[in-house]
Amino acid sequence: MALLGLLYGEAGHGYDLHRKVVADLGQVWHLSQSQAYAILKRLEARGDISAEEIPQEKLPSRQLLHTTAQGREKFLAWLDAPSGGSTRAIRMEFVTRLYFLNLYFPGRLAQAFDRQRAEAQGHIQRLERMLAGLPEEQVYNHMSLDMRLRQLRLILDWLDECRQYFP
C-alpha cells in the first residue's frame, strides 16, 4: 500500500518510488529495489496501476506509473481500515496510514489516533481475559501474554505522545 499510496498523489517511476519509501518510511518498511519492482508489477497485473512508456533519447524507455480508479479506491479503503491491535500492525500499518493521512487528509489524523487507541484497548481487554482464564501451570503462556499486554499498554502511551506531533 505504501507504493500505491505514493502513486495516489502523483505519477512516478519505480526507482523514485523506492527511494521515497526508503527515505520517508525506511524504518517502517524494509524494501529492496527488486521487491519494489516486483510489487509494482503485481499492482499492474491486478489493475491497480497502469504504466505509460516514456521514450528517452539514446536510453531505454522509462515507465511512468499511474494509479487506476480501482487502485485509488483500494488505497482509500485501506486508509480507512483499522490497523489491528498487534504491536507489529501498529508499528507498520498504523504508522504508514498516518504518513498518508498527514500527506493527503491531515484533518482525519485525530480520528485515526482515536480509532487506533480503541483497537489497542480492545486487544488489551481480549488478552486480559485470555490471561485470566489460563491455568497457573501454563507459565510460558502467562509470560507471553503478560509481555504482549505490557507492550500494548506502552503503545497506548506512545499513541498519546505521538498525537501531539499532529495538532
N, C-alpha and C. Protein backbone atom coordinates (compact mmCIF):
# COMPACT_ATOMS: atom_id res chain seq x y z
N MET A 1 0.82 -1.20 0.00
CA MET A 1 0.00 0.00 0.00
C MET A 1 0.86 1.27 0.00
N ALA A 2 2.08 1.17 0.52
CA ALA A 2 2.94 2.35 0.54
C ALA A 2 3.24 2.81 -0.89
N LEU A 3 3.53 1.87 -1.78
CA LEU A 3 3.81 2.26 -3.17
C LEU A 3 2.55 2.79 -3.85
N LEU A 4 1.44 2.14 -3.61
CA LEU A 4 0.18 2.60 -4.18
C LEU A 4 -0.17 3.98 -3.63
N GLY A 5 0.10 4.18 -2.35
CA GLY A 5 -0.16 5.48 -1.73
C GLY A 5 0.67 6.60 -2.32
N LEU A 6 1.92 6.31 -2.62
CA LEU A 6 2.75 7.34 -3.25
C LEU A 6 2.24 7.70 -4.63
N LEU A 7 1.76 6.70 -5.35
CA LEU A 7 1.21 6.95 -6.69
C LEU A 7 -0.16 7.62 -6.63
N TYR A 8 -0.84 7.52 -5.51
CA TYR A 8 -2.13 8.19 -5.35
C TYR A 8 -1.97 9.70 -5.54
N GLY A 9 -0.87 10.23 -5.04
CA GLY A 9 -0.64 11.67 -5.11
C GLY A 9 -0.19 12.15 -6.48
N GLU A 10 0.66 11.36 -7.12
CA GLU A 10 1.15 11.73 -8.45
C GLU A 10 1.81 10.53 -9.11
N ALA A 11 1.86 10.57 -10.42
CA ALA A 11 2.51 9.50 -11.17
C ALA A 11 4.00 9.49 -10.82
N GLY A 12 4.61 8.34 -11.00
CA GLY A 12 6.03 8.26 -10.68
C GLY A 12 6.70 7.08 -11.34
N HIS A 13 8.01 7.05 -11.20
CA HIS A 13 8.84 5.96 -11.73
C HIS A 13 9.23 5.04 -10.59
N GLY A 14 9.39 3.76 -10.90
CA GLY A 14 9.70 2.77 -9.89
C GLY A 14 10.89 3.13 -9.03
N TYR A 15 11.96 3.57 -9.65
CA TYR A 15 13.18 3.91 -8.90
C TYR A 15 12.91 5.04 -7.91
N ASP A 16 12.21 6.07 -8.36
CA ASP A 16 11.90 7.21 -7.49
C ASP A 16 10.97 6.80 -6.35
N LEU A 17 10.01 5.93 -6.64
CA LEU A 17 9.10 5.45 -5.60
C LEU A 17 9.86 4.68 -4.52
N HIS A 18 10.77 3.83 -4.95
CA HIS A 18 11.58 3.07 -3.99
C HIS A 18 12.38 4.02 -3.12
N ARG A 19 13.02 5.00 -3.73
CA ARG A 19 13.82 5.97 -2.96
C ARG A 19 12.95 6.72 -1.96
N LYS A 20 11.73 7.06 -2.33
CA LYS A 20 10.82 7.79 -1.43
C LYS A 20 10.42 6.92 -0.24
N VAL A 21 10.12 5.65 -0.49
CA VAL A 21 9.77 4.74 0.61
C VAL A 21 10.95 4.62 1.56
N VAL A 22 12.14 4.42 1.02
CA VAL A 22 13.33 4.27 1.86
C VAL A 22 13.58 5.55 2.66
N ALA A 23 13.45 6.70 2.02
CA ALA A 23 13.72 7.97 2.70
C ALA A 23 12.69 8.29 3.77
N ASP A 24 11.42 8.08 3.47
CA ASP A 24 10.35 8.51 4.37
C ASP A 24 9.85 7.42 5.32
N LEU A 25 9.96 6.16 4.90
CA LEU A 25 9.40 5.06 5.69
C LEU A 25 10.40 3.91 5.87
N GLY A 26 11.68 4.21 5.71
CA GLY A 26 12.71 3.17 5.75
C GLY A 26 12.82 2.45 7.08
N GLN A 27 12.42 3.09 8.17
CA GLN A 27 12.44 2.42 9.47
C GLN A 27 11.13 1.69 9.75
N VAL A 28 10.17 1.87 8.86
CA VAL A 28 8.89 1.19 8.98
C VAL A 28 8.88 -0.04 8.08
N TRP A 29 9.28 0.15 6.84
CA TRP A 29 9.30 -0.92 5.84
C TRP A 29 10.71 -1.10 5.33
N HIS A 30 11.17 -2.33 5.28
CA HIS A 30 12.46 -2.65 4.67
C HIS A 30 12.16 -3.17 3.27
N LEU A 31 12.41 -2.34 2.29
CA LEU A 31 12.01 -2.63 0.92
C LEU A 31 13.22 -2.50 0.01
N SER A 32 13.62 -3.60 -0.60
CA SER A 32 14.71 -3.53 -1.57
C SER A 32 14.16 -3.02 -2.89
N GLN A 33 15.05 -2.60 -3.75
CA GLN A 33 14.61 -2.10 -5.05
C GLN A 33 13.95 -3.22 -5.86
N SER A 34 14.48 -4.43 -5.79
CA SER A 34 13.88 -5.54 -6.53
C SER A 34 12.50 -5.88 -5.98
N GLN A 35 12.32 -5.78 -4.66
CA GLN A 35 10.99 -6.01 -4.07
C GLN A 35 10.01 -4.94 -4.56
N ALA A 36 10.47 -3.70 -4.61
CA ALA A 36 9.61 -2.61 -5.06
C ALA A 36 9.13 -2.86 -6.49
N TYR A 37 10.05 -3.26 -7.37
CA TYR A 37 9.67 -3.53 -8.75
C TYR A 37 8.72 -4.72 -8.84
N ALA A 38 8.94 -5.74 -8.04
CA ALA A 38 8.05 -6.91 -8.05
C ALA A 38 6.65 -6.52 -7.57
N ILE A 39 6.57 -5.70 -6.54
CA ILE A 39 5.26 -5.24 -6.04
C ILE A 39 4.57 -4.39 -7.10
N LEU A 40 5.31 -3.51 -7.75
CA LEU A 40 4.72 -2.67 -8.79
C LEU A 40 4.17 -3.52 -9.94
N LYS A 41 4.90 -4.57 -10.30
CA LYS A 41 4.41 -5.48 -11.36
C LYS A 41 3.11 -6.15 -10.93
N ARG A 42 3.03 -6.58 -9.65
CA ARG A 42 1.79 -7.21 -9.15
C ARG A 42 0.65 -6.20 -9.15
N LEU A 43 0.93 -4.97 -8.74
CA LEU A 43 -0.11 -3.93 -8.74
C LEU A 43 -0.62 -3.68 -10.16
N GLU A 44 0.30 -3.70 -11.11
CA GLU A 44 -0.10 -3.51 -12.50
C GLU A 44 -0.92 -4.71 -13.00
N ALA A 45 -0.49 -5.91 -12.66
CA ALA A 45 -1.22 -7.12 -13.09
C ALA A 45 -2.62 -7.16 -12.50
N ARG A 46 -2.79 -6.64 -11.31
CA ARG A 46 -4.11 -6.61 -10.65
C ARG A 46 -4.99 -5.47 -11.15
N GLY A 47 -4.40 -4.56 -11.91
CA GLY A 47 -5.17 -3.43 -12.42
C GLY A 47 -5.23 -2.23 -11.49
N ASP A 48 -4.35 -2.21 -10.48
CA ASP A 48 -4.33 -1.09 -9.53
C ASP A 48 -3.50 0.09 -10.03
N ILE A 49 -2.54 -0.20 -10.91
CA ILE A 49 -1.74 0.86 -11.53
C ILE A 49 -1.62 0.56 -13.01
N SER A 50 -1.28 1.58 -13.77
CA SER A 50 -1.00 1.40 -15.20
C SER A 50 0.35 2.02 -15.49
N ALA A 51 0.97 1.55 -16.55
CA ALA A 51 2.30 2.03 -16.92
C ALA A 51 2.24 2.70 -18.29
N GLU A 52 2.88 3.83 -18.37
CA GLU A 52 2.97 4.57 -19.63
C GLU A 52 4.44 4.60 -20.05
N GLU A 53 4.72 4.12 -21.25
CA GLU A 53 6.10 4.11 -21.75
C GLU A 53 6.51 5.53 -22.14
N ILE A 54 7.62 5.97 -21.59
CA ILE A 54 8.17 7.29 -21.91
C ILE A 54 9.50 7.08 -22.64
N PRO A 55 9.52 7.35 -23.95
CA PRO A 55 10.78 7.15 -24.69
C PRO A 55 11.84 8.16 -24.24
N GLN A 56 13.08 7.69 -24.27
CA GLN A 56 14.22 8.56 -23.94
C GLN A 56 15.23 8.44 -25.07
N GLU A 57 15.83 9.54 -25.40
CA GLU A 57 16.83 9.53 -26.46
C GLU A 57 18.08 8.80 -25.99
N LYS A 58 18.50 7.82 -26.76
CA LYS A 58 19.71 7.03 -26.52
C LYS A 58 19.67 6.21 -25.23
N LEU A 59 18.51 6.09 -24.62
CA LEU A 59 18.33 5.28 -23.41
C LEU A 59 17.07 4.45 -23.56
N PRO A 60 16.98 3.37 -22.79
CA PRO A 60 15.72 2.60 -22.84
C PRO A 60 14.55 3.44 -22.32
N SER A 61 13.37 3.11 -22.78
CA SER A 61 12.17 3.82 -22.33
C SER A 61 12.00 3.64 -20.83
N ARG A 62 11.41 4.64 -20.20
CA ARG A 62 11.06 4.56 -18.78
C ARG A 62 9.56 4.37 -18.67
N GLN A 63 9.14 3.79 -17.57
CA GLN A 63 7.72 3.61 -17.33
C GLN A 63 7.26 4.62 -16.30
N LEU A 64 6.27 5.41 -16.69
CA LEU A 64 5.63 6.33 -15.75
C LEU A 64 4.39 5.62 -15.23
N LEU A 65 4.34 5.43 -13.93
CA LEU A 65 3.26 4.66 -13.31
C LEU A 65 2.17 5.59 -12.79
N HIS A 66 0.93 5.18 -12.98
CA HIS A 66 -0.24 5.93 -12.54
C HIS A 66 -1.17 4.98 -11.77
N THR A 67 -1.89 5.52 -10.80
CA THR A 67 -2.93 4.69 -10.18
C THR A 67 -4.14 4.68 -11.11
N THR A 68 -4.85 3.59 -11.07
CA THR A 68 -6.12 3.49 -11.80
C THR A 68 -7.23 3.85 -10.82
N ALA A 69 -8.44 3.96 -11.32
CA ALA A 69 -9.59 4.21 -10.43
C ALA A 69 -9.70 3.09 -9.40
N GLN A 70 -9.48 1.86 -9.84
CA GLN A 70 -9.51 0.72 -8.92
C GLN A 70 -8.43 0.85 -7.85
N GLY A 71 -7.23 1.24 -8.25
CA GLY A 71 -6.13 1.39 -7.30
C GLY A 71 -6.39 2.50 -6.30
N ARG A 72 -6.95 3.61 -6.76
CA ARG A 72 -7.29 4.72 -5.85
C ARG A 72 -8.36 4.28 -4.85
N GLU A 73 -9.33 3.51 -5.34
CA GLU A 73 -10.40 3.02 -4.46
C GLU A 73 -9.83 2.08 -3.39
N LYS A 74 -8.95 1.17 -3.80
CA LYS A 74 -8.33 0.24 -2.85
C LYS A 74 -7.49 0.99 -1.82
N PHE A 75 -6.73 1.97 -2.27
CA PHE A 75 -5.89 2.74 -1.35
C PHE A 75 -6.76 3.47 -0.33
N LEU A 76 -7.82 4.12 -0.79
CA LEU A 76 -8.68 4.86 0.14
C LEU A 76 -9.38 3.92 1.12
N ALA A 77 -9.77 2.75 0.67
CA ALA A 77 -10.39 1.77 1.57
C ALA A 77 -9.38 1.32 2.62
N TRP A 78 -8.15 1.06 2.20
CA TRP A 78 -7.09 0.66 3.14
C TRP A 78 -6.80 1.77 4.13
N LEU A 79 -6.81 2.99 3.66
CA LEU A 79 -6.52 4.14 4.52
C LEU A 79 -7.53 4.24 5.66
N ASP A 80 -8.76 3.85 5.42
CA ASP A 80 -9.81 3.92 6.44
C ASP A 80 -9.96 2.63 7.25
N ALA A 81 -9.26 1.58 6.87
CA ALA A 81 -9.39 0.30 7.58
C ALA A 81 -8.63 0.36 8.91
N PRO A 82 -9.10 -0.38 9.91
CA PRO A 82 -8.36 -0.42 11.17
C PRO A 82 -7.04 -1.18 11.00
N SER A 83 -6.06 -0.83 11.80
CA SER A 83 -4.75 -1.47 11.71
C SER A 83 -4.63 -2.70 12.58
N GLY A 84 -5.59 -2.94 13.45
CA GLY A 84 -5.49 -4.08 14.36
C GLY A 84 -4.80 -3.67 15.65
N GLY A 85 -4.66 -4.63 16.53
CA GLY A 85 -4.12 -4.33 17.85
C GLY A 85 -2.77 -4.92 18.13
N SER A 86 -2.16 -5.62 17.18
CA SER A 86 -0.85 -6.19 17.45
C SER A 86 0.22 -5.10 17.35
N THR A 87 1.31 -5.29 18.06
CA THR A 87 2.38 -4.29 18.03
C THR A 87 2.95 -4.16 16.62
N ARG A 88 3.06 -5.26 15.90
CA ARG A 88 3.59 -5.21 14.54
C ARG A 88 2.67 -4.39 13.63
N ALA A 89 1.37 -4.65 13.72
CA ALA A 89 0.41 -3.92 12.88
C ALA A 89 0.45 -2.44 13.20
N ILE A 90 0.58 -2.10 14.45
CA ILE A 90 0.62 -0.69 14.83
C ILE A 90 1.91 -0.04 14.32
N ARG A 91 3.03 -0.73 14.51
CA ARG A 91 4.32 -0.18 14.09
C ARG A 91 4.40 -0.01 12.57
N MET A 92 3.83 -0.94 11.83
CA MET A 92 3.98 -0.88 10.38
C MET A 92 2.77 -0.24 9.70
N GLU A 93 1.61 -0.82 9.88
CA GLU A 93 0.44 -0.35 9.15
C GLU A 93 -0.07 0.99 9.66
N PHE A 94 -0.19 1.13 10.98
CA PHE A 94 -0.72 2.38 11.51
C PHE A 94 0.20 3.55 11.18
N VAL A 95 1.49 3.36 11.36
CA VAL A 95 2.44 4.45 11.07
C VAL A 95 2.39 4.80 9.58
N THR A 96 2.24 3.80 8.73
CA THR A 96 2.14 4.06 7.29
C THR A 96 0.84 4.81 6.98
N ARG A 97 -0.24 4.41 7.62
CA ARG A 97 -1.51 5.13 7.43
C ARG A 97 -1.37 6.59 7.88
N LEU A 98 -0.73 6.79 9.02
CA LEU A 98 -0.52 8.17 9.50
C LEU A 98 0.24 9.00 8.46
N TYR A 99 1.27 8.41 7.89
CA TYR A 99 2.07 9.10 6.89
C TYR A 99 1.18 9.60 5.75
N PHE A 100 0.33 8.70 5.24
CA PHE A 100 -0.51 9.08 4.10
C PHE A 100 -1.67 9.99 4.52
N LEU A 101 -2.22 9.77 5.69
CA LEU A 101 -3.26 10.68 6.15
C LEU A 101 -2.70 12.09 6.30
N ASN A 102 -1.52 12.21 6.87
CA ASN A 102 -0.89 13.52 7.03
C ASN A 102 -0.59 14.15 5.66
N LEU A 103 -0.21 13.32 4.71
CA LEU A 103 0.12 13.80 3.37
C LEU A 103 -1.12 14.27 2.60
N TYR A 104 -2.20 13.47 2.66
CA TYR A 104 -3.37 13.75 1.82
C TYR A 104 -4.60 14.26 2.57
N PHE A 105 -4.79 13.83 3.81
CA PHE A 105 -6.00 14.17 4.56
C PHE A 105 -5.68 14.51 6.01
N PRO A 106 -4.91 15.55 6.28
CA PRO A 106 -4.49 15.83 7.66
C PRO A 106 -5.64 16.05 8.63
N GLY A 107 -6.79 16.44 8.15
CA GLY A 107 -7.94 16.64 9.02
C GLY A 107 -8.48 15.35 9.62
N ARG A 108 -8.03 14.21 9.12
CA ARG A 108 -8.52 12.92 9.61
C ARG A 108 -7.54 12.25 10.58
N LEU A 109 -6.46 12.93 10.95
CA LEU A 109 -5.46 12.31 11.83
C LEU A 109 -6.00 12.02 13.22
N ALA A 110 -6.72 12.95 13.82
CA ALA A 110 -7.24 12.74 15.18
C ALA A 110 -8.14 11.52 15.22
N GLN A 111 -8.98 11.37 14.22
CA GLN A 111 -9.87 10.21 14.14
C GLN A 111 -9.05 8.91 14.04
N ALA A 112 -7.97 8.94 13.29
CA ALA A 112 -7.13 7.75 13.14
C ALA A 112 -6.50 7.37 14.48
N PHE A 113 -6.04 8.36 15.23
CA PHE A 113 -5.47 8.08 16.55
C PHE A 113 -6.53 7.50 17.48
N ASP A 114 -7.72 8.08 17.47
CA ASP A 114 -8.80 7.58 18.33
C ASP A 114 -9.16 6.14 17.97
N ARG A 115 -9.25 5.87 16.69
CA ARG A 115 -9.61 4.53 16.22
C ARG A 115 -8.51 3.52 16.62
N GLN A 116 -7.25 3.92 16.47
CA GLN A 116 -6.17 3.01 16.82
C GLN A 116 -6.10 2.77 18.32
N ARG A 117 -6.35 3.80 19.08
CA ARG A 117 -6.36 3.66 20.54
C ARG A 117 -7.45 2.68 20.97
N ALA A 118 -8.63 2.79 20.37
CA ALA A 118 -9.73 1.89 20.68
C ALA A 118 -9.39 0.45 20.28
N GLU A 119 -8.73 0.28 19.13
CA GLU A 119 -8.29 -1.05 18.69
C GLU A 119 -7.34 -1.66 19.71
N ALA A 120 -6.36 -0.88 20.14
CA ALA A 120 -5.37 -1.38 21.11
C ALA A 120 -6.05 -1.72 22.44
N GLN A 121 -6.96 -0.88 22.88
CA GLN A 121 -7.66 -1.15 24.14
C GLN A 121 -8.51 -2.42 24.03
N GLY A 122 -9.16 -2.61 22.93
CA GLY A 122 -9.92 -3.84 22.72
C GLY A 122 -9.03 -5.07 22.73
N HIS A 123 -7.86 -4.95 22.14
CA HIS A 123 -6.91 -6.05 22.12
C HIS A 123 -6.42 -6.33 23.54
N ILE A 124 -6.17 -5.29 24.31
CA ILE A 124 -5.75 -5.46 25.70
C ILE A 124 -6.82 -6.20 26.48
N GLN A 125 -8.07 -5.83 26.31
CA GLN A 125 -9.16 -6.50 27.03
C GLN A 125 -9.24 -7.99 26.67
N ARG A 126 -9.07 -8.32 25.40
CA ARG A 126 -9.10 -9.72 24.98
C ARG A 126 -7.94 -10.50 25.60
N LEU A 127 -6.76 -9.89 25.60
CA LEU A 127 -5.60 -10.57 26.18
C LEU A 127 -5.75 -10.73 27.69
N GLU A 128 -6.32 -9.74 28.35
CA GLU A 128 -6.55 -9.85 29.80
C GLU A 128 -7.50 -10.99 30.12
N ARG A 129 -8.55 -11.15 29.30
CA ARG A 129 -9.48 -12.27 29.51
C ARG A 129 -8.78 -13.61 29.29
N MET A 130 -7.94 -13.66 28.26
CA MET A 130 -7.19 -14.89 28.00
C MET A 130 -6.27 -15.21 29.17
N LEU A 131 -5.58 -14.20 29.67
CA LEU A 131 -4.64 -14.40 30.78
C LEU A 131 -5.38 -14.86 32.03
N ALA A 132 -6.52 -14.27 32.29
CA ALA A 132 -7.30 -14.65 33.48
C ALA A 132 -7.80 -16.09 33.38
N GLY A 133 -8.00 -16.59 32.20
CA GLY A 133 -8.52 -17.94 32.03
C GLY A 133 -7.45 -19.02 31.93
N LEU A 134 -6.19 -18.64 31.92
CA LEU A 134 -5.12 -19.63 31.80
C LEU A 134 -4.87 -20.35 33.12
N PRO A 135 -4.69 -21.66 33.08
CA PRO A 135 -4.30 -22.37 34.30
C PRO A 135 -2.92 -21.89 34.77
N GLU A 136 -2.73 -21.88 36.06
CA GLU A 136 -1.50 -21.34 36.66
C GLU A 136 -0.24 -22.06 36.18
N GLU A 137 -0.35 -23.34 35.89
CA GLU A 137 0.83 -24.10 35.50
C GLU A 137 1.32 -23.77 34.08
N GLN A 138 0.57 -23.01 33.32
CA GLN A 138 1.00 -22.62 31.97
C GLN A 138 1.85 -21.36 32.05
N VAL A 139 3.00 -21.53 32.67
CA VAL A 139 3.91 -20.41 32.96
C VAL A 139 4.32 -19.67 31.70
N TYR A 140 4.66 -20.39 30.65
CA TYR A 140 5.17 -19.74 29.43
C TYR A 140 4.07 -18.97 28.72
N ASN A 141 2.88 -19.49 28.73
CA ASN A 141 1.75 -18.76 28.15
C ASN A 141 1.46 -17.51 28.97
N HIS A 142 1.57 -17.61 30.29
CA HIS A 142 1.41 -16.44 31.16
C HIS A 142 2.45 -15.38 30.82
N MET A 143 3.70 -15.82 30.70
CA MET A 143 4.78 -14.89 30.39
C MET A 143 4.54 -14.18 29.06
N SER A 144 4.15 -14.95 28.07
CA SER A 144 3.94 -14.39 26.73
C SER A 144 2.79 -13.38 26.72
N LEU A 145 1.67 -13.74 27.32
CA LEU A 145 0.54 -12.82 27.37
C LEU A 145 0.87 -11.57 28.18
N ASP A 146 1.59 -11.75 29.27
CA ASP A 146 1.99 -10.61 30.09
C ASP A 146 2.86 -9.65 29.28
N MET A 147 3.79 -10.18 28.52
CA MET A 147 4.65 -9.32 27.70
C MET A 147 3.83 -8.58 26.65
N ARG A 148 2.93 -9.26 25.98
CA ARG A 148 2.10 -8.62 24.96
C ARG A 148 1.24 -7.52 25.58
N LEU A 149 0.70 -7.77 26.77
CA LEU A 149 -0.10 -6.75 27.46
C LEU A 149 0.75 -5.53 27.81
N ARG A 150 1.94 -5.77 28.30
CA ARG A 150 2.82 -4.64 28.65
C ARG A 150 3.18 -3.82 27.41
N GLN A 151 3.43 -4.51 26.30
CA GLN A 151 3.74 -3.80 25.06
C GLN A 151 2.56 -2.93 24.63
N LEU A 152 1.37 -3.48 24.68
CA LEU A 152 0.20 -2.72 24.25
C LEU A 152 -0.10 -1.55 25.18
N ARG A 153 0.12 -1.72 26.45
CA ARG A 153 -0.07 -0.59 27.37
C ARG A 153 0.94 0.51 27.09
N LEU A 154 2.14 0.13 26.78
CA LEU A 154 3.16 1.10 26.39
C LEU A 154 2.77 1.81 25.09
N ILE A 155 2.19 1.05 24.17
CA ILE A 155 1.74 1.62 22.89
C ILE A 155 0.66 2.67 23.11
N LEU A 156 -0.23 2.44 24.08
CA LEU A 156 -1.25 3.46 24.39
C LEU A 156 -0.59 4.78 24.78
N ASP A 157 0.43 4.71 25.61
CA ASP A 157 1.18 5.92 25.98
C ASP A 157 1.85 6.53 24.76
N TRP A 158 2.44 5.67 23.95
CA TRP A 158 3.12 6.12 22.73
C TRP A 158 2.14 6.82 21.79
N LEU A 159 0.94 6.26 21.64
CA LEU A 159 -0.08 6.89 20.78
C LEU A 159 -0.41 8.29 21.29
N ASP A 160 -0.57 8.43 22.60
CA ASP A 160 -0.88 9.74 23.17
C ASP A 160 0.25 10.73 22.93
N GLU A 161 1.49 10.28 23.06
CA GLU A 161 2.63 11.17 22.81
C GLU A 161 2.73 11.55 21.34
N CYS A 162 2.55 10.57 20.46
CA CYS A 162 2.65 10.85 19.02
C CYS A 162 1.56 11.78 18.53
N ARG A 163 0.42 11.69 19.13
CA ARG A 163 -0.71 12.54 18.72
C ARG A 163 -0.35 14.01 18.85
N GLN A 164 0.54 14.32 19.76
CA GLN A 164 0.95 15.72 19.98
C GLN A 164 1.73 16.28 18.79
N TYR A 165 2.30 15.41 17.94
CA TYR A 165 3.03 15.89 16.76
C TYR A 165 2.09 16.46 15.71
N PHE A 166 0.81 16.13 15.83
CA PHE A 166 -0.17 16.49 14.81
C PHE A 166 -1.29 17.32 15.44
N PRO A 167 -1.08 18.64 15.55
CA PRO A 167 -2.09 19.49 16.21
C PRO A 167 -3.42 19.54 15.47
